[in-house]
Protein backbone atom coordinates (compact mmCIF):
# COMPACT_ATOMS: atom_id res chain seq x y z
CA MET A 1 111.55 119.36 38.45
CA ILE A 2 111.63 122.43 35.86
CA LYS A 3 112.27 120.82 32.65
CA PRO A 4 114.63 123.22 30.71
CA ILE A 5 112.76 123.69 27.25
CA MET A 6 113.24 127.48 27.07
CA LEU A 7 116.97 127.28 27.98
CA PHE A 8 117.46 125.67 24.82
CA TRP A 9 114.83 127.35 22.61
CA ALA A 10 115.26 130.76 23.67
CA ALA A 11 119.18 131.10 22.78
CA LEU A 12 119.86 134.35 21.24
CA LEU A 13 120.49 134.19 17.42
CA SER A 14 123.89 135.36 16.22
CA THR A 15 123.72 136.41 12.55
CA THR A 16 126.73 136.54 10.02
CA THR A 17 126.93 139.62 7.74
CA LEU A 18 130.18 138.53 6.06
CA HIS A 19 130.16 134.94 4.71
CA ALA A 20 133.63 132.83 4.98
CA GLN A 21 135.45 131.81 1.95
CA LYS A 22 136.48 128.40 3.16
CA ILE A 23 133.94 125.84 3.51
CA ILE A 24 134.83 122.94 5.81
CA PRO A 25 133.18 119.72 3.99
CA VAL A 26 131.54 117.09 6.48
CA ASP A 27 132.95 113.69 6.36
CA SER A 28 130.10 111.10 6.67
CA SER A 29 132.36 108.21 5.61
CA LYS A 30 132.25 106.26 9.19
CA ILE A 31 129.04 107.10 10.57
CA ASP A 32 127.35 104.73 13.07
CA THR A 33 123.80 104.27 13.65
CA LEU A 34 122.66 103.78 17.16
CA ARG A 35 119.00 102.43 17.81
CA ILE A 36 118.08 103.52 21.51
CA ASP A 37 114.92 102.66 23.46
CA PRO A 38 115.06 104.74 26.80
CA SER A 39 112.22 102.51 27.89
CA HIS A 40 114.52 99.37 27.57
CA ALA A 41 117.27 101.21 29.50
CA ILE A 42 118.31 98.74 32.70
CA GLY A 43 119.64 99.84 36.05
CA GLY A 44 121.93 98.55 38.57
CA ASN A 45 124.06 99.03 41.47
CA ALA A 46 126.99 101.80 41.51
CA SER A 47 129.60 99.07 41.72
CA ASP A 48 128.25 97.50 38.73
CA VAL A 49 128.56 100.53 36.43
CA PHE A 50 131.09 102.62 37.65
CA GLU A 51 134.93 102.38 37.89
CA GLU A 52 135.31 105.51 39.72
CA LEU A 53 133.05 107.93 41.99
CA ASN A 54 135.01 110.57 43.66
CA TYR A 55 133.19 113.26 46.00
CA ILE A 56 135.25 116.38 46.27
CA PRO A 57 133.71 119.04 48.88
CA LEU A 58 134.52 122.89 47.92
CA GLU A 59 135.94 124.55 50.63
CA SER A 60 133.67 126.93 52.69
CA THR A 61 134.94 130.10 53.75
CA LYS A 62 133.69 133.63 54.03
CA GLU A 63 135.40 134.29 50.74
CA SER A 64 134.86 131.24 49.04
CA THR A 65 131.10 130.49 49.92
CA PHE A 66 128.82 130.89 46.87
CA GLY A 67 125.13 129.96 46.09
CA LYS A 68 125.18 127.26 43.35
CA ILE A 69 127.24 126.09 40.04
CA ASP A 70 125.93 127.84 36.85
CA GLN A 71 128.84 126.72 34.83
CA LEU A 72 131.72 124.51 35.61
CA GLU A 73 135.08 123.98 33.69
CA VAL A 74 138.03 121.79 34.28
CA THR A 75 141.60 122.52 33.80
CA ASP A 76 144.79 120.31 34.69
CA ASP A 77 144.88 122.20 38.10
CA TYR A 78 141.36 123.89 38.88
CA PHE A 79 137.78 123.34 39.01
CA VAL A 80 136.46 126.91 37.49
CA ILE A 81 133.03 127.75 38.44
CA ARG A 82 130.77 130.62 37.82
CA ASP A 83 127.82 131.66 40.20
CA GLU A 84 125.28 134.08 38.88
CA THR A 85 123.59 134.50 42.08
CA THR A 86 126.58 136.18 43.83
CA ASN A 87 128.03 136.93 40.26
CA CYS A 88 131.29 135.47 40.84
CA ILE A 89 133.97 132.94 39.18
CA LEU A 90 135.62 131.16 41.47
CA PHE A 91 138.83 128.69 41.33
CA PHE A 92 139.19 125.86 43.43
CA LYS A 93 141.90 123.45 43.38
CA LYS A 94 141.22 119.82 42.37
CA ASN A 95 141.21 118.61 45.69
CA GLY A 96 138.66 121.64 46.65
CA LYS A 97 140.95 124.04 48.31
CA PHE A 98 139.65 127.52 47.32
CA HIS A 99 142.36 129.36 45.13
CA ALA A 100 140.78 132.61 43.72
CA LYS A 101 137.79 134.57 42.77
CA ILE A 102 136.66 137.02 40.38
CA ASP A 103 133.99 139.27 42.07
CA GLY A 104 131.60 141.18 39.57
CA GLY A 105 129.97 142.88 42.35
CA SER A 106 126.14 143.84 42.47
CA TYR A 107 124.37 143.94 39.21
CA GLN A 108 121.00 144.99 40.83
CA LEU A 109 121.32 148.46 39.69
CA ASN A 110 123.62 147.99 36.96
CA ASP A 111 123.04 144.98 34.77
CA GLY A 112 126.26 145.53 32.89
CA LYS A 113 128.20 144.42 35.68
CA ARG A 114 126.58 140.79 35.09
CA LEU A 115 129.44 138.26 34.30
CA GLN A 116 128.23 136.12 31.36
CA ALA A 117 129.58 132.62 30.71
CA PHE A 118 133.28 132.49 30.82
CA HIS A 119 135.73 130.61 28.29
CA LEU A 120 139.14 128.94 28.95
CA ASN A 121 142.02 129.15 26.71
CA LYS A 122 144.21 126.38 28.01
CA TRP A 123 147.13 127.24 25.31
CA THR A 124 147.33 131.03 27.16
CA ARG A 125 146.18 129.97 30.75
CA GLN A 126 143.68 132.71 30.67
CA LEU A 127 139.84 133.30 31.07
CA VAL A 128 137.86 135.25 28.68
CA VAL A 129 134.76 136.83 30.31
CA LYS A 130 131.83 139.10 28.80
CA ARG A 131 130.04 141.31 30.84
CA ASN A 132 126.64 141.72 30.03
CA GLY A 133 125.47 144.23 27.40
CA PRO A 134 127.82 145.75 24.60
CA GLY A 135 131.03 146.14 27.20
CA GLY A 136 134.01 144.27 26.29
CA TYR A 137 136.06 141.18 26.90
CA LEU A 138 137.83 140.78 29.99
CA TYR A 139 140.78 138.56 30.37
CA TYR A 140 141.76 137.00 33.56
CA ASP A 141 144.98 134.62 34.41
CA PHE A 142 144.10 131.50 36.80
CA ASN A 143 145.01 133.82 39.68
CA ALA A 144 141.58 135.62 39.03
CA LYS A 145 144.14 138.55 38.07
CA LEU A 146 142.57 140.96 35.26
CA LEU A 147 145.07 141.00 32.52
CA SER A 148 143.22 143.42 29.92
CA GLU A 149 139.69 144.73 29.18
CA VAL A 150 139.25 144.89 25.24
CA PRO A 151 136.18 146.81 24.34
CA ILE A 152 133.82 145.69 21.59
CA LYS A 153 133.70 148.34 18.82
CA GLY A 154 130.15 147.90 17.75
CA LYS A 155 129.19 146.71 14.18
CA GLU A 156 133.07 146.66 13.10
CA LEU A 157 133.60 143.15 14.72
CA TYR A 158 131.67 139.95 14.56
CA TYR A 159 129.94 139.26 17.83
CA TRP A 160 130.84 135.49 18.86
CA ASN A 161 128.48 133.95 21.39
CA ASP A 162 128.70 130.21 21.87
CA TYR A 163 132.57 129.94 21.22
CA ARG A 164 135.34 127.60 22.42
CA PHE A 165 139.31 128.10 22.00
CA VAL A 166 140.73 125.56 19.89
CA GLY A 167 144.20 127.30 19.94
CA LYS A 168 146.12 130.11 21.13
CA ASP A 169 144.13 132.68 19.22
CA ALA A 170 141.83 130.27 17.22
CA ILE A 171 137.83 129.99 18.04
CA LEU A 172 135.37 127.59 16.97
CA ASP A 173 131.74 128.98 17.18
CA ILE A 174 128.06 127.29 16.96
CA GLU A 175 125.00 128.74 15.63
CA ASP A 176 121.23 128.87 16.03
CA TYR A 177 119.06 128.24 13.08
CA SER A 178 118.09 131.23 11.54
CA ASN A 179 116.10 132.08 8.33
CA ASP A 180 118.13 135.27 7.80
CA ARG A 181 119.17 135.08 4.15
CA PRO A 182 122.74 135.23 3.62
CA LYS A 183 123.76 138.60 1.57
CA ASP A 184 125.67 136.70 -1.10
CA SER A 185 122.04 135.14 -1.93
CA THR A 186 123.44 131.42 -1.68
CA LYS A 187 120.60 130.55 0.57
CA ILE A 188 122.85 128.50 2.87
CA ASN A 189 123.84 129.13 6.42
CA TYR A 190 126.28 127.32 8.49
CA LEU A 191 126.06 125.89 12.21
CA VAL A 192 129.52 125.88 12.91
CA GLN A 193 131.97 128.99 12.28
CA TYR A 194 135.55 129.73 12.79
CA GLY A 195 137.60 132.76 13.69
CA LYS A 196 141.28 133.37 14.02
CA GLY A 197 140.71 135.48 17.24
CA LEU A 198 137.69 137.19 19.32
CA MET A 199 138.27 140.25 17.50
CA GLU A 200 138.25 138.97 14.14
CA GLN A 201 135.61 138.05 11.23
CA VAL A 202 134.57 134.42 10.08
CA SER A 203 137.32 132.53 8.57
CA ALA A 204 135.91 129.19 7.64
CA GLU A 205 132.40 127.76 8.33
CA GLY A 206 131.01 124.20 8.21
CA ILE A 207 127.65 122.04 8.53
CA PRO A 208 125.29 124.07 6.00
CA TYR A 209 121.71 123.98 6.20
CA ASN A 210 119.13 125.77 3.69
CA THR A 211 117.28 128.98 4.78
CA VAL A 212 114.64 128.39 2.14
CA GLY A 213 111.22 127.41 4.08
CA LEU A 214 113.19 127.91 7.26
CA LYS A 215 110.80 130.09 9.88
CA THR A 216 112.37 130.58 13.20
CA ASN A 217 111.72 134.39 13.75
CA SER A 218 109.09 133.88 16.46
CA ASP A 219 109.80 130.72 17.38
CA ILE A 220 113.39 130.10 17.92
CA TYR A 221 115.08 126.60 17.30
CA SER A 222 118.43 126.09 18.40
CA ALA A 223 120.45 123.65 16.33
CA ASN A 224 122.65 122.74 19.39
CA THR A 225 121.32 121.96 22.98
CA ALA A 226 124.35 121.69 25.14
CA GLY A 227 126.82 123.73 23.97
CA LEU A 228 130.25 122.64 22.59
CA LEU A 229 131.54 120.12 24.89
CA PRO A 230 135.24 118.50 25.48
CA HIS A 231 135.65 115.21 23.15
CA ALA A 232 138.02 112.41 24.55
CA GLY A 233 140.33 115.09 26.45
CA LYS A 234 141.31 116.81 23.23
CA ASP A 235 141.21 120.44 23.75
CA ASP A 236 140.70 121.35 20.08
CA THR A 237 138.14 118.49 19.19
CA PHE A 238 134.31 119.05 20.32
CA LEU A 239 131.05 117.31 20.08
CA LEU A 240 127.89 118.65 18.44
CA VAL A 241 124.37 117.23 18.21
CA ASN A 242 122.01 118.84 15.76
CA ALA A 243 118.69 118.50 17.67
CA PRO A 244 116.17 118.09 14.73
CA ASP A 245 117.86 115.21 12.97
CA TYR A 246 119.48 113.51 16.06
CA LEU A 247 123.05 113.90 14.47
CA MET A 248 126.14 113.82 16.47
CA TYR A 249 129.35 115.79 14.72
CA GLU A 250 132.94 115.73 15.70
CA VAL A 251 134.35 119.21 15.13
CA SER A 252 137.76 120.60 15.09
CA PRO A 253 139.68 123.49 13.36
CA GLN A 254 140.34 121.36 10.05
CA VAL A 255 137.77 118.62 10.23
CA VAL A 256 133.97 118.33 10.53
CA LYS A 257 132.75 114.15 11.07
CA LEU A 258 129.50 112.70 11.29
CA ARG A 259 129.95 110.23 13.85
CA TYR A 260 126.45 109.10 15.02
CA ARG A 261 123.19 108.97 13.98
CA PHE A 262 120.58 108.27 17.00
CA ILE A 263 117.33 106.19 15.93
CA PHE A 264 114.88 106.38 18.80
CA PRO A 265 111.02 105.00 18.97
CA MET A 266 108.79 106.37 16.20
CA GLN A 267 106.74 107.60 18.96
CA GLN A 268 109.48 109.51 20.49
CA SER A 269 110.80 110.93 17.45
CA LEU A 270 110.23 114.27 15.95
CA PRO A 271 108.54 114.36 12.72
CA VAL A 272 110.94 114.08 9.52
CA ASN A 273 109.73 117.60 8.34
CA TYR A 274 109.57 119.15 11.94
CA LEU A 275 112.20 121.84 11.09
CA TYR A 276 110.99 122.95 7.54
CA GLY A 277 107.38 122.02 7.74
CA LYS A 278 104.44 124.86 7.18
CA GLU A 279 102.43 123.09 9.94
CA PHE A 280 105.38 123.45 12.55
CA ALA A 281 106.25 127.18 11.62
CA ASP A 282 106.25 129.63 15.03
CA ARG A 283 104.90 126.35 16.92
CA HIS A 284 107.94 124.36 17.51
CA ILE A 285 107.82 124.75 21.20
CA LYS A 286 104.02 124.23 21.41
CA TYR A 287 104.45 121.12 19.81
CA VAL A 288 106.62 119.46 21.77
CA GLN A 289 104.60 120.62 24.85
CA GLU A 290 101.68 119.04 23.74
CA HIS A 291 103.82 115.72 22.80
CA LYS A 292 105.24 115.33 25.98
CA LYS A 293 106.81 112.14 25.08
CA LEU A 294 108.91 113.50 21.91
CA ILE A 295 112.70 113.83 22.52
CA TYR A 296 113.36 117.11 21.29
CA ALA A 297 116.94 117.51 22.02
CA ILE A 298 120.03 115.43 23.21
CA GLY A 299 121.77 117.25 25.75
CA SER A 300 124.78 116.80 28.16
CA TYR A 301 126.56 114.66 25.69
CA PHE A 302 130.10 113.12 26.10
CA GLU A 303 132.01 110.29 24.69
CA LEU A 304 134.29 108.56 27.41
CA GLY A 305 136.00 105.40 25.92
CA ASP A 306 133.69 102.83 24.84
CA ASN A 307 130.80 104.79 26.46
CA LEU A 308 128.36 107.77 25.15
CA ILE A 309 126.66 109.58 28.11
CA PHE A 310 123.66 111.99 27.09
CA LYS A 311 120.16 113.12 28.18
CA THR A 312 117.27 112.89 25.97
CA HIS A 313 114.93 115.88 26.86
CA THR A 314 111.12 115.61 26.82
CA SER A 315 108.89 117.86 28.18
CA ASP A 316 107.31 114.98 30.34
CA VAL A 317 108.18 115.73 34.06
CA ALA A 318 107.38 112.34 34.97
CA ASN A 319 110.39 110.84 32.74
CA LYS A 320 112.96 108.72 34.95
CA ASP A 321 114.82 107.79 31.94
CA GLU A 322 116.37 110.71 30.38
CA ASN A 323 119.97 110.55 31.48
CA LEU A 324 121.58 107.48 29.53
CA ILE A 325 125.07 105.22 29.72
CA TYR A 326 124.99 103.68 25.89
CA ASN A 327 128.03 101.39 25.58
CA LEU A 328 129.33 101.22 22.20
CA LYS A 329 130.45 97.85 22.05
CA SER A 330 127.94 95.67 23.91
CA GLY A 331 124.97 97.66 23.18
CA THR A 332 123.90 97.86 26.71
CA LEU A 333 121.73 100.98 27.88
CA ILE A 334 121.68 102.17 31.34
CA SER A 335 119.65 104.50 32.61
CA TYR A 336 121.26 106.86 35.33
CA GLU A 337 118.23 107.38 37.61
CA ARG A 338 117.99 103.73 37.85
CA ILE A 339 121.38 103.14 39.37
CA SER A 340 120.97 102.49 43.19
CA PRO A 341 123.90 103.85 45.56
CA ASP A 342 125.73 101.28 47.27
CA ASP A 343 128.76 100.71 49.69
CA SER A 344 131.21 101.75 46.82
CA ASN A 345 130.09 105.36 46.89
CA TYR A 346 129.40 105.36 50.61
CA PHE A 347 125.47 105.51 49.87
CA LEU A 348 126.15 108.94 48.79
CA PRO A 349 123.89 110.70 45.95
CA LEU A 350 124.10 109.60 42.47
CA TRP A 351 121.14 111.54 40.85
CA GLU A 352 119.00 112.53 43.54
CA GLY A 353 118.71 116.04 44.30
CA LEU A 354 117.48 119.42 42.46
CA ASP A 355 121.06 120.00 41.29
CA PHE A 356 121.59 117.08 39.22
CA ALA A 357 117.80 117.17 38.06
CA ASN A 358 118.39 120.72 36.54
CA ASN A 359 121.83 120.18 35.46
CA SER A 360 122.65 116.51 34.52
CA PHE A 361 126.34 116.59 33.80
CA PHE A 362 128.29 119.84 33.34
CA THR A 363 131.57 118.92 31.57
CA SER A 364 134.26 116.33 30.57
CA ASP A 365 138.08 116.29 31.06
CA GLY A 366 138.04 113.34 28.56
CA LYS A 367 138.29 110.98 31.63
CA TYR A 368 135.65 111.84 34.06
CA VAL A 369 132.43 113.48 33.69
CA TYR A 370 131.26 115.93 36.41
CA SER A 371 128.29 117.05 38.11
CA ASP A 372 127.73 118.44 41.89
CA PHE A 373 125.36 117.86 44.61
CA SER A 374 124.25 120.46 47.27
CA SER A 375 125.66 120.05 50.82
CA LEU A 376 121.84 119.78 51.85
CA ASP A 377 121.59 116.70 49.51
CA MET A 378 125.04 115.48 50.90
CA PHE A 379 124.09 115.70 54.61
CA LYS A 380 120.45 114.15 53.79
CA ALA A 381 122.28 111.03 52.76
CA LEU A 382 124.28 111.23 55.55
CA GLU A 383 121.42 110.97 58.19
CA GLU A 384 119.44 108.44 55.99
CA HIS A 385 122.02 105.96 56.10
CA LYS A 386 123.63 106.62 59.45
CA ASP A 387 122.86 103.15 60.81
CA LYS A 388 124.98 101.52 58.13
CA ASN A 389 128.18 102.65 60.01
CA ILE A 390 129.58 103.57 56.87
CA LYS A 391 133.63 104.47 56.87
CA TYR A 392 134.26 107.55 55.00
CA PRO A 393 137.30 108.50 53.58
CA PRO A 394 139.58 111.36 55.68
CA HIS A 395 138.41 114.25 53.34
CA LEU A 396 134.93 113.21 53.61
CA GLN A 397 135.01 112.49 57.44
CA GLU A 398 136.12 115.94 57.81
CA TYR A 399 133.54 117.30 55.55
CA PHE A 400 130.89 115.61 57.68
CA THR A 401 132.48 116.42 60.81
CA LYS A 402 133.34 119.99 60.42
CA GLY A 403 130.89 121.26 57.95
CA SER A 404 127.09 121.84 57.59
CA ARG A 405 123.85 121.60 55.06
CA LYS A 406 124.81 125.27 54.43
CA ASP A 407 128.27 124.72 52.98
CA ASN A 408 129.26 124.94 49.26
CA PRO A 409 128.10 122.09 46.84
CA VAL A 410 130.39 118.86 46.42
CA ILE A 411 132.00 117.92 42.89
CA ILE A 412 131.22 114.60 41.93
CA GLN A 413 133.56 112.94 39.58
CA VAL A 414 132.40 109.97 37.54
CA LYS A 415 133.94 107.29 35.15
CA PRO A 416 131.86 104.51 34.07
CA LYS A 417 133.35 100.90 33.54
CA GLN A 418 134.39 100.36 29.83
CA VAL A 419 132.95 96.83 30.08
CA LEU A 420 129.04 96.94 30.69
């Protein structure tokens, strides 16, 4: 398994040339401290842990077949998938039937054709895509029809990097740690920024940090390790984990709340001066590679009712307790990799396979979390458990009867029990 350290640490730094006048204060009045020891996580059978587990094969036709899922978002009607290998964005209905495709074409000779991460605007029912390089923003509807292309006019506009729509025009963006001094000489930068539109400058900021003593130029440290993720099904509210402090925030257009502080065993925790300490300057990455048990980031984090689902990233390739489910009421901690398939999920994969090892969970709609398994993994499970005479639901029986190991990936829709 390839540990995704560099994906988190080598994110591009976005810099702001103008600071906003409005600062949104952090509300820390209701923070909960969560003491997590991954070595004490338990396992169980699928039927003990999950209220629902649904497997949704994605239709494989000449037009809809793709390589792998690099980005998955969920709307009320569609799964929206970006595949870097075929440079396409595909829409599948919730039953797995193919709906439409944005084909970016070959970028082997023209890297400017490469489709970067897309962003959903649920208020306008549009998809915004940026091509690689300076390019511009491409606006599509949910039928993959190109509506407009808006060029980016160099330095005239602020470049939004990891943003999410929080309204028809409003956006919220997260920043990486940067030691660039703001021009107003306040020595303060912010991890969260708000804009009134993609073609506008920053209008508000939140979650401040001091740039004095911060050295990240040659050893980039990202404050965020998983992107902004939907929280409890609210389209304008997201979760953000500040990696070095193990703090989880809830951010929305008008409010920033400090929700949870994670406390891990001392031998797995980053040093308190890890971000600003001179001994770590220019060697943040090297340090966690040398100390493989350290939890250097929290990723793939979601809150579903009374459960927090998250991944504790270390550089230990043998770590089998990194994907965790923590029940906020009972304090039960479950290691996802210690859950065994049973007849409730037809003995199909839960975490087995390269796709889940690399991606964990992609996204959430507030009710479920979503990941995928390759058809190779699915048919392998079918073969391994053929002696059990499993009765599959009609859609899976059709998939196994008519499909093959070369078919599209299968979406898994997961909902843990509220009482664990």
